[in-house]
Protein backbone atom coordinates (compact mmCIF):
# COMPACT_ATOMS: atom_id res chain seq x y z
CA ASN A 1 0.74 -56.54 -30.34
CA MET A 2 1.28 -53.92 -27.77
CA CYS A 3 2.70 -50.48 -27.47
CA VAL A 4 3.39 -48.17 -24.26
CA CYS A 5 2.84 -44.54 -24.32
CA VAL A 6 3.16 -41.71 -21.55
CA CYS A 7 0.83 -39.01 -21.54
CA VAL A 8 1.86 -35.56 -20.32
CA CYS A 9 -0.76 -32.92 -19.88
CA ALA A 10 -0.30 -29.31 -18.25
CA GLN A 11 -3.47 -27.85 -16.86
CA ARG A 12 -4.27 -25.18 -14.20
CA ASP A 13 -0.71 -25.21 -12.89
CA PHE A 14 -0.46 -28.96 -11.96
CA ILE A 15 1.23 -31.55 -14.78
CA PHE A 16 -0.37 -34.62 -15.14
CA VAL A 17 1.33 -37.91 -16.39
CA ARG A 18 -0.15 -41.21 -17.11
CA TYR A 19 1.08 -44.39 -18.66
CA HIS A 20 -1.11 -46.10 -21.55
CA ARG A 21 -1.03 -48.90 -23.61
CA TYR A 22 -2.36 -49.52 -26.92
CA ILE A 23 -3.65 -53.20 -27.58
CA PHE A 24 -4.28 -54.14 -30.89
CA ASP A 25 -6.59 -57.21 -31.73
CA GLU A 26 -7.43 -59.15 -34.67
CA THR A 27 -11.01 -59.78 -35.37
CA GLU A 28 -13.11 -61.16 -37.94
CA VAL A 29 -14.98 -58.53 -40.26
CA GLN A 30 -18.08 -59.20 -41.73
CA ARG A 31 -19.01 -56.78 -44.76
CA GLU A 32 -22.66 -55.18 -44.48
CA GLY A 33 -25.25 -56.88 -46.35
CA GLU A 34 -23.47 -59.93 -47.09
CA LYS A 35 -24.54 -63.36 -45.48
CA LYS A 36 -22.11 -65.14 -42.99
CA ASP A 37 -19.70 -67.21 -45.30
CA PRO A 38 -16.30 -68.65 -43.61
CA LYS A 39 -14.74 -68.25 -46.91
CA LYS A 40 -15.29 -64.73 -47.51
CA THR A 41 -14.36 -63.39 -43.60
CA GLU A 42 -11.52 -60.97 -43.40
CA LEU A 43 -9.35 -60.13 -40.49
CA GLY A 44 -9.52 -56.84 -39.22
CA VAL A 45 -7.57 -54.56 -36.45
CA LYS A 46 -9.32 -53.34 -33.36
CA ALA A 47 -7.23 -50.88 -31.18
CA ARG A 48 -8.03 -50.10 -27.52
CA LEU A 49 -6.41 -48.09 -24.86
CA GLN A 50 -5.44 -49.30 -21.37
CA GLU A 51 -4.36 -47.00 -18.49
CA LEU A 52 -1.38 -48.54 -16.69
CA GLY A 53 0.09 -47.58 -13.46
CA PRO A 54 1.81 -45.48 -11.69
CA ARG A 55 0.01 -42.30 -12.55
CA PHE A 56 1.18 -38.79 -10.56
CA THR A 57 0.49 -35.37 -10.37
CA LEU A 58 3.13 -32.63 -10.09
CA LYS A 59 2.08 -29.11 -8.72
CA LEU A 60 3.78 -25.80 -9.60
CA ARG A 61 5.66 -24.53 -6.60
CA TRP A 62 7.96 -21.77 -8.28
CA LEU A 63 8.85 -20.48 -11.36
CA GLN A 64 12.57 -19.75 -11.75
CA GLN A 65 14.28 -17.34 -14.18
CA GLY A 66 17.75 -18.44 -15.90
CA SER A 67 19.51 -21.62 -15.00
CA PHE A 68 18.58 -23.71 -12.19
CA ASP A 69 19.76 -22.31 -8.99
CA THR A 70 17.83 -22.93 -5.76
CA LEU A 71 20.31 -20.61 -3.47
CA HIS A 72 21.01 -17.73 -5.54
CA GLY A 73 18.49 -18.00 -8.50
CA GLU A 74 15.92 -15.16 -9.30
CA TYR A 75 12.40 -16.35 -8.84
CA GLU A 76 9.81 -15.13 -11.22
CA TRP A 77 7.12 -16.44 -8.82
CA LEU A 78 6.83 -18.38 -5.54
CA HIS A 79 3.94 -20.08 -4.19
CA ARG A 80 2.40 -18.49 -1.33
CA ARG A 81 -0.50 -19.96 0.92
CA GLY A 82 -4.00 -19.24 -0.22
CA GLU A 83 -2.93 -17.52 -3.51
CA MET A 84 -3.66 -20.26 -5.91
CA ASP A 85 -7.13 -20.61 -4.20
CA GLY A 86 -8.69 -18.72 -7.18
CA ARG A 87 -9.19 -20.51 -10.34
CA ARG A 88 -8.86 -17.55 -12.76
CA LYS A 89 -5.19 -16.84 -12.79
CA PHE A 90 -2.69 -19.47 -13.91
CA HIS A 91 1.22 -18.97 -14.02
CA LEU A 92 2.11 -22.52 -15.99
């Protein structure tokens, strides 16, 4: 059994996108303090996470106010060279 999921994380004016899948494995579970008896073994499910590709990162270039219009739209913030060098102020 498998389940695929997408992880989206916004951090420091970047958006990170990763693909993962959950893999469920059935294993024999032995209870503590009991001797190994093939008649009394139970099946348990273990889940593990595996990262798949492709993974990518989006960098913030501008924030626009209102509807999306690149020609006549009003920009709240534009990326300027050297402005994002500091790690104290984030815009996203």
